Amino acid sequence: MSRQFEKLEVCYKYYQSVTDFVPKVGLILGSGLGGYAKNMKVEKEIPYGDIPGFPVSTVQGHDGKFLFGYIGNVPAVVMKGRVHYYEGYSMEDVVLPTRLMKRMGIEILFLTNAAGGINRSFHVGDFMMITDQISSFAPSPLIGENVFELGERFPDMTHIYDEELMDLIGKTAREENISLQKGVYLQTTGPNFESPAEIRMYSVLGADAVGMSTACEAIAARHAGVRVCGISCISNMASGISDEELSHLDVQSVADQRAGEFERLVTKSIEKM
């Protein structure tokens, strides 16, 4: 048994000791979706700090707990607050929550985030369904000893984001009359926002939006055989696209303003999964 899997098992055994709830879908809430609990029937809460060896989010706007319950009739586990690499955690710890949700039983991981818009046809407040990603600017969560209990050494990443799930989300957006962009998400390490020159480079590489999370979680999920989908809220236009200075408070503000519609899109999509 690998060291990483041993640590994961300690977390999993604690989870088993406090609840027998088995989720089908895992949802990671990005900035602006902290109030999501009202959209589900919560059966159990587990604060991250109660789980032995589990990383705790330190970012404003990210509460730190798992919510277990039902979104419609779908059993789900919701991460109210995620852990970021820039907080000083190892990438191994950053994806520990994703791997733990896999051990809990999830088959689908739904990723959400607030992101900076690179595509000049995007506007602040838009939603972007993630169709692919660029993770080359952050360390791979699979570096180091492979967790063979979860997946193979060299997992394929041709289809990180599940085609059927993307079709489902797109159909839901049309039914709910919610405008939905599509694009490629690029992850940086943060915590600094990107320079205008970097944004120009990312645009040339094919990125439509940029953020400081998500791609590493998607890689860990696919490594473990979990189906993945994701939506970004374009909370600001990236550096150089807009002349305004960027701040985390502004990101939170836009995400908060769009939270109601974001929650509706996420909820209606999960209800069909």
C-alpha atoms as a PDB file:
ATOM      1  CA  MET A   1       0.000   0.000   0.000  1.00  0.00           C
ATOM      2  CA  SER A   2       1.432   3.400  -1.010  1.00  0.00           C
ATOM      3  CA  ARG A   3       2.003   6.158   1.541  1.00  0.00           C
ATOM      4  CA  GLN A   4      -0.585   8.365  -0.198  1.00  0.00           C
ATOM      5  CA  PHE A   5      -3.182   5.600  -0.116  1.00  0.00           C
ATOM      6  CA  GLU A   6      -2.482   4.946   3.573  1.00  0.00           C
ATOM      7  CA  LYS A   7      -3.215   8.616   4.309  1.00  0.00           C
ATOM      8  CA  LEU A   8      -6.349   8.438   2.168  1.00  0.00           C
ATOM      9  CA  GLU A   9      -7.528   5.350   4.051  1.00  0.00           C
ATOM     10  CA  VAL A  10      -7.196   7.123   7.401  1.00  0.00           C
ATOM     11  CA  CYS A  11      -9.533   9.838   6.101  1.00  0.00           C
ATOM     12  CA  TYR A  12     -11.891   7.273   4.605  1.00  0.00           C
ATOM     13  CA  LYS A  13     -12.138   5.270   7.839  1.00  0.00           C
ATOM     14  CA  TYR A  14     -13.070   8.440   9.716  1.00  0.00           C
ATOM     15  CA  TYR A  15     -15.786   9.149   7.145  1.00  0.00           C
ATOM     16  CA  GLN A  16     -17.119   5.605   7.595  1.00  0.00           C
ATOM     17  CA  SER A  17     -17.163   6.076  11.360  1.00  0.00           C
ATOM     18  CA  VAL A  18     -19.512   9.084  11.224  1.00  0.00           C
ATOM     19  CA  THR A  19     -21.866   8.316   8.309  1.00  0.00           C
ATOM     20  CA  ASP A  20     -22.983   5.484   6.045  1.00  0.00           C
ATOM     21  CA  PHE A  21     -24.117   7.894   3.320  1.00  0.00           C
ATOM     22  CA  VAL A  22     -22.858   6.850  -0.143  1.00  0.00           C
ATOM     23  CA  PRO A  23     -22.799   9.660  -2.742  1.00  0.00           C
ATOM     24  CA  LYS A  24     -23.022   9.222  -6.495  1.00  0.00           C
ATOM     25  CA  VAL A  25     -21.988  12.762  -7.488  1.00  0.00           C
ATOM     26  CA  GLY A  26     -19.285  14.966  -5.986  1.00  0.00           C
ATOM     27  CA  LEU A  27     -19.579  18.742  -6.352  1.00  0.00           C
ATOM     28  CA  ILE A  28     -16.729  21.152  -5.598  1.00  0.00           C
ATOM     29  CA  LEU A  29     -17.992  24.678  -4.992  1.00  0.00           C
ATOM     30  CA  GLY A  30     -15.971  27.611  -6.300  1.00  0.00           C
ATOM     31  CA  SER A  31     -16.120  31.238  -5.199  1.00  0.00           C
ATOM     32  CA  GLY A  32     -19.669  32.563  -5.031  1.00  0.00           C
ATOM     33  CA  LEU A  33     -21.350  29.208  -4.494  1.00  0.00           C
ATOM     34  CA  GLY A  34     -20.835  28.990  -0.741  1.00  0.00           C
ATOM     35  CA  GLY A  35     -24.580  29.216  -0.100  1.00  0.00           C
ATOM     36  CA  TYR A  36     -25.348  26.143  -2.176  1.00  0.00           C
ATOM     37  CA  ALA A  37     -26.643  24.082   0.767  1.00  0.00           C
ATOM     38  CA  LYS A  38     -30.146  25.550   0.347  1.00  0.00           C
ATOM     39  CA  ASN A  39     -30.406  23.664  -2.956  1.00  0.00           C
ATOM     40  CA  MET A  40     -30.028  20.250  -1.342  1.00  0.00           C
ATOM     41  CA  LYS A  41     -31.489  18.162   1.446  1.00  0.00           C
ATOM     42  CA  VAL A  42     -28.518  17.924   3.794  1.00  0.00           C
ATOM     43  CA  GLU A  43     -28.251  14.687   5.767  1.00  0.00           C
ATOM     44  CA  LYS A  44     -24.803  15.128   7.309  1.00  0.00           C
ATOM     45  CA  GLU A  45     -21.997  17.681   7.587  1.00  0.00           C
ATOM     46  CA  ILE A  46     -18.328  16.876   8.228  1.00  0.00           C
ATOM     47  CA  PRO A  47     -15.930  19.809   8.855  1.00  0.00           C
ATOM     48  CA  TYR A  48     -12.574  19.278   7.188  1.00  0.00           C
ATOM     49  CA  GLY A  49     -10.852  19.937  10.488  1.00  0.00           C
ATOM     50  CA  ASP A  50     -12.480  16.847  12.019  1.00  0.00           C
ATOM     51  CA  ILE A  51     -10.892  14.504   9.467  1.00  0.00           C
ATOM     52  CA  PRO A  52      -7.427  13.253  10.527  1.00  0.00           C
ATOM     53  CA  GLY A  53      -4.678  14.632   8.285  1.00  0.00           C
ATOM     54  CA  PHE A  54      -7.116  16.428   6.001  1.00  0.00           C
ATOM     55  CA  PRO A  55      -6.133  19.843   4.520  1.00  0.00           C
ATOM     56  CA  VAL A  56      -8.204  22.861   5.571  1.00  0.00           C
ATOM     57  CA  SER A  57      -9.050  25.759   3.232  1.00  0.00           C
ATOM     58  CA  THR A  58      -7.690  29.146   4.353  1.00  0.00           C
ATOM     59  CA  VAL A  59      -9.156  31.325   1.580  1.00  0.00           C
ATOM     60  CA  GLN A  60     -11.834  33.932   2.271  1.00  0.00           C
ATOM     61  CA  GLY A  61     -15.137  32.770   0.789  1.00  0.00           C
ATOM     62  CA  HIS A  62     -14.243  29.078   1.083  1.00  0.00           C
ATOM     63  CA  ASP A  63     -15.849  27.363   4.083  1.00  0.00           C
ATOM     64  CA  GLY A  64     -14.306  24.051   4.943  1.00  0.00           C
ATOM     65  CA  LYS A  65     -16.745  21.155   5.181  1.00  0.00           C
ATOM     66  CA  PHE A  66     -18.364  18.285   3.332  1.00  0.00           C
ATOM     67  CA  LEU A  67     -22.136  18.330   2.926  1.00  0.00           C
ATOM     68  CA  PHE A  68     -23.863  14.984   2.336  1.00  0.00           C
ATOM     69  CA  GLY A  69     -27.408  14.844   1.050  1.00  0.00           C
ATOM     70  CA  TYR A  70     -29.678  14.830  -1.971  1.00  0.00           C
ATOM     71  CA  ILE A  71     -29.794  17.153  -4.966  1.00  0.00           C
ATOM     72  CA  GLY A  72     -33.197  16.225  -6.287  1.00  0.00           C
ATOM     73  CA  ASN A  73     -33.087  12.430  -5.908  1.00  0.00           C
ATOM     74  CA  VAL A  74     -29.339  12.198  -6.540  1.00  0.00           C
ATOM     75  CA  PRO A  75     -27.155  11.315  -3.519  1.00  0.00           C
ATOM     76  CA  ALA A  76     -24.301  13.811  -3.497  1.00  0.00           C
ATOM     77  CA  VAL A  77     -21.351  15.044  -1.506  1.00  0.00           C
ATOM     78  CA  VAL A  78     -20.593  18.754  -1.776  1.00  0.00           C
ATOM     79  CA  MET A  79     -17.267  20.355  -0.935  1.00  0.00           C
ATOM     80  CA  LYS A  80     -18.069  23.740   0.567  1.00  0.00           C
ATOM     81  CA  GLY A  81     -14.649  25.237   0.005  1.00  0.00           C
ATOM     82  CA  ARG A  82     -11.671  23.720  -1.792  1.00  0.00           C
ATOM     83  CA  VAL A  83      -7.961  23.585  -1.048  1.00  0.00           C
ATOM     84  CA  HIS A  84      -5.526  25.404  -3.346  1.00  0.00           C
ATOM     85  CA  TYR A  85      -1.869  24.743  -4.160  1.00  0.00           C
ATOM     86  CA  TYR A  86      -1.003  28.400  -3.425  1.00  0.00           C
ATOM     87  CA  GLU A  87      -2.042  27.960   0.210  1.00  0.00           C
ATOM     88  CA  GLY A  88       1.181  26.037   0.711  1.00  0.00           C
ATOM     89  CA  TYR A  89      -0.205  22.518   0.563  1.00  0.00           C
ATOM     90  CA  SER A  90       1.467  19.859  -1.542  1.00  0.00           C
ATOM     91  CA  MET A  91      -0.376  18.931  -4.726  1.00  0.00           C
ATOM     92  CA  GLU A  92      -0.887  15.536  -3.117  1.00  0.00           C
ATOM     93  CA  ASP A  93      -2.921  17.226  -0.369  1.00  0.00           C
ATOM     94  CA  VAL A  94      -4.756  19.479  -2.835  1.00  0.00           C
ATOM     95  CA  VAL A  95      -6.270  16.436  -4.573  1.00  0.00           C
ATOM     96  CA  LEU A  96      -6.779  14.390  -1.401  1.00  0.00           C
ATOM     97  CA  PRO A  97     -10.432  15.587  -1.198  1.00  0.00           C
ATOM     98  CA  THR A  98     -11.061  14.423  -4.780  1.00  0.00           C
ATOM     99  CA  ARG A  99      -9.583  11.024  -4.035  1.00  0.00           C
ATOM    100  CA  LEU A 100     -11.531  10.771  -0.798  1.00  0.00           C
ATOM    101  CA  MET A 101     -14.795  11.427  -2.636  1.00  0.00           C
ATOM    102  CA  LYS A 102     -13.864   8.611  -5.017  1.00  0.00           C
ATOM    103  CA  ARG A 103     -13.408   6.297  -2.030  1.00  0.00           C
ATOM    104  CA  MET A 104     -16.783   7.469  -0.701  1.00  0.00           C
ATOM    105  CA  GLY A 105     -18.353   6.174  -3.900  1.00  0.00           C
ATOM    106  CA  ILE A 106     -18.749   9.039  -6.380  1.00  0.00           C
ATOM    107  CA  GLU A 107     -18.959   8.187 -10.077  1.00  0.00           C
ATOM    108  CA  ILE A 108     -19.126  11.804 -11.305  1.00  0.00           C
ATOM    109  CA  LEU A 109     -17.182  14.897 -10.215  1.00  0.00           C
ATOM    110  CA  PHE A 110     -18.757  18.287 -10.995  1.00  0.00           C
ATOM    111  CA  LEU A 111     -16.165  21.079 -10.786  1.00  0.00           C
ATOM    112  CA  THR A 112     -17.021  24.772 -10.459  1.00  0.00           C
ATOM    113  CA  ASN A 113     -14.844  27.852 -10.155  1.00  0.00           C
ATOM    114  CA  ALA A 114     -14.551  31.586 -10.673  1.00  0.00           C
ATOM    115  CA  ALA A 115     -12.183  32.322 -13.556  1.00  0.00           C
ATOM    116  CA  GLY A 116     -10.661  35.156 -15.525  1.00  0.00           C
ATOM    117  CA  GLY A 117     -11.856  35.533 -19.098  1.00  0.00           C
ATOM    118  CA  ILE A 118      -9.218  35.366 -21.829  1.00  0.00           C
ATOM    119  CA  ASN A 119     -11.521  34.880 -24.811  1.00  0.00           C
ATOM    120  CA  ARG A 120     -12.425  38.399 -25.947  1.00  0.00           C
ATOM    121  CA  SER A 121     -15.946  37.314 -26.875  1.00  0.00           C
ATOM    122  CA  PHE A 122     -16.626  36.548 -23.197  1.00  0.00           C
ATOM    123  CA  HIS A 123     -18.113  39.033 -20.731  1.00  0.00           C
ATOM    124  CA  VAL A 124     -17.938  39.360 -16.967  1.00  0.00           C
ATOM    125  CA  GLY A 125     -20.680  37.182 -15.485  1.00  0.00           C
ATOM    126  CA  ASP A 126     -20.711  34.622 -18.308  1.00  0.00           C
ATOM    127  CA  PHE A 127     -20.755  30.895 -17.568  1.00  0.00           C
ATOM    128  CA  MET A 128     -18.291  28.702 -19.451  1.00  0.00           C
ATOM    129  CA  MET A 129     -18.645  24.946 -19.730  1.00  0.00           C
ATOM    130  CA  ILE A 130     -15.143  23.495 -19.585  1.00  0.00           C
ATOM    131  CA  THR A 131     -14.478  21.348 -22.651  1.00  0.00           C
ATOM    132  CA  ASP A 132     -10.742  20.786 -22.091  1.00  0.00           C
ATOM    133  CA  GLN A 133      -7.899  22.109 -19.985  1.00  0.00           C
ATOM    134  CA  ILE A 134      -4.257  23.163 -19.898  1.00  0.00           C
ATOM    135  CA  SER A 135      -2.508  22.134 -16.691  1.00  0.00           C
ATOM    136  CA  SER A 136       1.111  22.540 -17.784  1.00  0.00           C
ATOM    137  CA  PHE A 137       1.668  25.606 -15.554  1.00  0.00           C
ATOM    138  CA  ALA A 138       0.966  23.750 -12.295  1.00  0.00           C
ATOM    139  CA  PRO A 139       2.579  20.532 -10.998  1.00  0.00           C
ATOM    140  CA  SER A 140       0.769  17.328 -11.907  1.00  0.00           C
ATOM    141  CA  PRO A 141      -0.987  15.735  -8.905  1.00  0.00           C
ATOM    142  CA  LEU A 142       0.314  12.383 -10.167  1.00  0.00           C
ATOM    143  CA  ILE A 143       4.014  13.226  -9.660  1.00  0.00           C
ATOM    144  CA  GLY A 144       5.708  10.873  -7.213  1.00  0.00           C
ATOM    145  CA  GLU A 145       4.760   7.369  -6.170  1.00  0.00           C
ATOM    146  CA  ASN A 146       1.728   6.196  -8.130  1.00  0.00           C
ATOM    147  CA  VAL A 147      -1.371   5.258  -6.142  1.00  0.00           C
ATOM    148  CA  PHE A 148      -1.993   1.985  -7.947  1.00  0.00           C
ATOM    149  CA  GLU A 149      -5.039   1.376  -5.757  1.00  0.00           C
ATOM    150  CA  LEU A 150      -6.703   4.258  -7.634  1.00  0.00           C
ATOM    151  CA  GLY A 151      -5.290   4.148 -11.146  1.00  0.00           C
ATOM    152  CA  GLU A 152      -2.448   3.306 -13.526  1.00  0.00           C
ATOM    153  CA  ARG A 153       0.915   5.057 -13.748  1.00  0.00           C
ATOM    154  CA  PHE A 154       0.283   6.766 -17.108  1.00  0.00           C
ATOM    155  CA  PRO A 155      -3.456   7.541 -17.384  1.00  0.00           C
ATOM    156  CA  ASP A 156      -4.878   8.774 -20.681  1.00  0.00           C
ATOM    157  CA  MET A 157      -6.204  12.357 -20.671  1.00  0.00           C
ATOM    158  CA  THR A 158      -7.693  12.500 -24.168  1.00  0.00           C
ATOM    159  CA  HIS A 159     -11.203  12.990 -22.806  1.00  0.00           C
ATOM    160  CA  ILE A 160     -10.861  14.629 -19.395  1.00  0.00           C
ATOM    161  CA  TYR A 161     -14.328  16.190 -19.586  1.00  0.00           C
ATOM    162  CA  ASP A 162     -17.060  13.664 -20.281  1.00  0.00           C
ATOM    163  CA  GLU A 163     -18.885  14.169 -23.597  1.00  0.00           C
ATOM    164  CA  GLU A 164     -22.236  12.864 -22.330  1.00  0.00           C
ATOM    165  CA  LEU A 165     -22.106  15.100 -19.274  1.00  0.00           C
ATOM    166  CA  MET A 166     -21.248  18.115 -21.438  1.00  0.00           C
ATOM    167  CA  ASP A 167     -24.243  17.357 -23.648  1.00  0.00           C
ATOM    168  CA  LEU A 168     -26.448  17.089 -20.552  1.00  0.00           C
ATOM    169  CA  ILE A 169     -25.246  20.434 -19.174  1.00  0.00           C
ATOM    170  CA  GLY A 170     -25.695  22.122 -22.544  1.00  0.00           C
ATOM    171  CA  LYS A 171     -29.233  20.782 -22.861  1.00  0.00           C
ATOM    172  CA  THR A 172     -30.039  21.905 -19.321  1.00  0.00           C
ATOM    173  CA  ALA A 173     -28.752  25.408 -20.014  1.00  0.00           C
ATOM    174  CA  ARG A 174     -30.997  25.654 -23.083  1.00  0.00           C
ATOM    175  CA  GLU A 175     -34.022  24.375 -21.156  1.00  0.00           C
ATOM    176  CA  GLU A 176     -33.403  26.888 -18.367  1.00  0.00           C
ATOM    177  CA  ASN A 177     -32.710  29.705 -20.836  1.00  0.00           C
ATOM    178  CA  ILE A 178     -29.239  30.220 -19.376  1.00  0.00           C
ATOM    179  CA  SER A 179     -26.519  31.454 -21.733  1.00  0.00           C
ATOM    180  CA  LEU A 180     -23.536  29.105 -21.689  1.00  0.00           C
ATOM    181  CA  GLN A 181     -20.144  29.638 -23.315  1.00  0.00           C
ATOM    182  CA  LYS A 182     -17.736  26.776 -24.015  1.00  0.00           C
ATOM    183  CA  GLY A 183     -13.990  26.797 -23.721  1.00  0.00           C
ATOM    184  CA  VAL A 184     -10.617  25.616 -22.475  1.00  0.00           C
ATOM    185  CA  TYR A 185      -9.625  26.300 -18.857  1.00  0.00           C
ATOM    186  CA  LEU A 186      -5.994  26.915 -17.895  1.00  0.00           C
ATOM    187  CA  GLN A 187      -4.713  26.489 -14.328  1.00  0.00           C
ATOM    188  CA  THR A 188      -1.852  28.495 -12.854  1.00  0.00           C
ATOM    189  CA  THR A 189      -0.453  28.109  -9.353  1.00  0.00           C
ATOM    190  CA  GLY A 190      -1.417  31.578  -8.098  1.00  0.00           C
ATOM    191  CA  PRO A 191      -1.840  33.327  -5.752  1.00  0.00           C
ATOM    192  CA  ASN A 192      -0.843  36.321  -7.874  1.00  0.00           C
ATOM    193  CA  PHE A 193      -3.012  37.210 -10.845  1.00  0.00           C
ATOM    194  CA  GLU A 194      -1.349  36.799 -14.224  1.00  0.00           C
ATOM    195  CA  SER A 195       0.582  39.479 -16.118  1.00  0.00           C
ATOM    196  CA  PRO A 196      -0.733  40.843 -19.451  1.00  0.00           C
ATOM    197  CA  ALA A 197       2.153  39.109 -21.253  1.00  0.00           C
ATOM    198  CA  GLU A 198       1.243  35.786 -19.663  1.00  0.00           C
ATOM    199  CA  ILE A 199      -2.387  36.215 -20.685  1.00  0.00           C
ATOM    200  CA  ARG A 200      -1.302  36.879 -24.276  1.00  0.00           C
ATOM    201  CA  MET A 201       0.736  33.657 -24.152  1.00  0.00           C
ATOM    202  CA  TYR A 202      -2.175  31.662 -22.720  1.00  0.00           C
ATOM    203  CA  SER A 203      -4.432  32.994 -25.471  1.00  0.00           C
ATOM    204  CA  VAL A 204      -1.978  31.820 -28.139  1.00  0.00           C
ATOM    205  CA  LEU A 205      -1.964  28.388 -26.469  1.00  0.00           C
ATOM    206  CA  GLY A 206      -5.743  28.157 -26.834  1.00  0.00           C
ATOM    207  CA  ALA A 207      -6.986  29.025 -23.342  1.00  0.00           C
ATOM    208  CA  ASP A 208     -10.365  30.752 -22.978  1.00  0.00           C
ATOM    209  CA  ALA A 209     -10.290  31.208 -19.187  1.00  0.00           C
ATOM    210  CA  VAL A 210      -7.711  31.063 -16.414  1.00  0.00           C
ATOM    211  CA  GLY A 211      -7.841  30.216 -12.730  1.00  0.00           C
ATOM    212  CA  MET A 212      -5.937  28.737  -9.797  1.00  0.00           C
ATOM    213  CA  SER A 213      -7.701  25.399  -9.281  1.00  0.00           C
ATOM    214  CA  THR A 214      -9.783  22.704 -10.990  1.00  0.00           C
ATOM    215  CA  ALA A 215      -7.401  21.179 -13.579  1.00  0.00           C
ATOM    216  CA  CYS A 216      -5.423  19.256 -10.964  1.00  0.00           C
ATOM    217  CA  GLU A 217      -8.661  17.935  -9.445  1.00  0.00           C
ATOM    218  CA  ALA A 218      -9.841  16.815 -12.876  1.00  0.00           C
ATOM    219  CA  ILE A 219      -6.586  14.935 -13.471  1.00  0.00           C
ATOM    220  CA  ALA A 220      -6.809  13.153 -10.110  1.00  0.00           C
ATOM    221  CA  ALA A 221     -10.434  12.240 -10.772  1.00  0.00           C
ATOM    222  CA  ARG A 222      -9.720  10.832 -14.233  1.00  0.00           C
ATOM    223  CA  HIS A 223      -6.737   8.899 -12.857  1.00  0.00           C
ATOM    224  CA  ALA A 224      -9.189   7.240 -10.456  1.00  0.00           C
ATOM    225  CA  GLY A 225     -11.787   6.509 -13.158  1.00  0.00           C
ATOM    226  CA  VAL A 226     -14.279   9.225 -12.178  1.00  0.00           C
ATOM    227  CA  ARG A 227     -16.270  11.004 -14.914  1.00  0.00           C
ATOM    228  CA  VAL A 228     -15.682  14.784 -14.880  1.00  0.00           C
ATOM    229  CA  CYS A 229     -17.588  17.901 -15.907  1.00  0.00           C
ATOM    230  CA  GLY A 230     -17.103  21.551 -15.013  1.00  0.00           C
ATOM    231  CA  ILE A 231     -18.371  25.115 -15.284  1.00  0.00           C
ATOM    232  CA  SER A 232     -16.494  28.389 -14.743  1.00  0.00           C
ATOM    233  CA  CYS A 233     -18.102  31.683 -13.816  1.00  0.00           C
ATOM    234  CA  ILE A 234     -16.189  34.414 -15.658  1.00  0.00           C
ATOM    235  CA  SER A 235     -15.828  36.743 -12.693  1.00  0.00           C
ATOM    236  CA  ASN A 236     -13.396  39.167 -14.346  1.00  0.00           C
ATOM    237  CA  MET A 237     -11.627  39.690 -17.636  1.00  0.00           C
ATOM    238  CA  ALA A 238      -7.985  38.695 -17.353  1.00  0.00           C
ATOM    239  CA  SER A 239      -5.089  41.120 -17.040  1.00  0.00           C
ATOM    240  CA  GLY A 240      -4.510  43.091 -20.232  1.00  0.00           C
ATOM    241  CA  ILE A 241      -7.955  42.173 -21.583  1.00  0.00           C
ATOM    242  CA  SER A 242      -9.397  44.717 -19.149  1.00  0.00           C
ATOM    243  CA  ASP A 243      -7.657  47.863 -17.902  1.00  0.00           C
ATOM    244  CA  GLU A 244      -9.046  47.399 -14.382  1.00  0.00           C
ATOM    245  CA  GLU A 245      -6.827  46.188 -11.547  1.00  0.00           C
ATOM    246  CA  LEU A 246      -7.763  42.717 -10.366  1.00  0.00           C
ATOM    247  CA  SER A 247      -8.735  41.851  -6.792  1.00  0.00           C
ATOM    248  CA  HIS A 248     -10.116  38.764  -5.086  1.00  0.00           C
ATOM    249  CA  LEU A 249     -12.921  40.834  -3.566  1.00  0.00           C
ATOM    250  CA  ASP A 250     -14.109  41.835  -7.049  1.00  0.00           C
ATOM    251  CA  VAL A 251     -13.982  38.188  -8.123  1.00  0.00           C
ATOM    252  CA  GLN A 252     -16.122  37.220  -5.149  1.00  0.00           C
ATOM    253  CA  SER A 253     -18.542  40.074  -5.794  1.00  0.00           C
ATOM    254  CA  VAL A 254     -19.284  39.043  -9.387  1.00  0.00           C
ATOM    255  CA  ALA A 255     -19.525  35.376  -8.440  1.00  0.00           C
ATOM    256  CA  ASP A 256     -21.968  36.275  -5.653  1.00  0.00           C
ATOM    257  CA  GLN A 257     -24.108  38.292  -8.073  1.00  0.00           C
ATOM    258  CA  ARG A 258     -24.360  35.342 -10.455  1.00  0.00           C
ATOM    259  CA  ALA A 259     -24.736  32.699  -7.752  1.00  0.00           C
ATOM    260  CA  GLY A 260     -28.502  32.225  -8.132  1.00  0.00           C
ATOM    261  CA  GLU A 261     -28.385  31.352 -11.812  1.00  0.00           C
ATOM    262  CA  PHE A 262     -25.174  29.368 -11.372  1.00  0.00           C
ATOM    263  CA  GLU A 263     -26.812  27.299  -8.630  1.00  0.00           C
ATOM    264  CA  ARG A 264     -29.862  26.668 -10.818  1.00  0.00           C
ATOM    265  CA  LEU A 265     -27.756  25.445 -13.731  1.00  0.00           C
ATOM    266  CA  VAL A 266     -25.667  23.166 -11.503  1.00  0.00           C
ATOM    267  CA  THR A 267     -28.686  21.812  -9.611  1.00  0.00           C
ATOM    268  CA  LYS A 268     -30.821  21.110 -12.674  1.00  0.00           C
ATOM    269  CA  SER A 269     -27.870  19.386 -14.359  1.00  0.00           C
ATOM    270  CA  ILE A 270     -27.090  17.152 -11.360  1.00  0.00           C
ATOM    271  CA  GLU A 271     -30.747  16.187 -11.011  1.00  0.00           C
ATOM    272  CA  LYS A 272     -30.441  14.521 -14.427  1.00  0.00           C
ATOM    273  CA  MET A 273     -27.228  12.625 -13.657  1.00  0.00           C
END
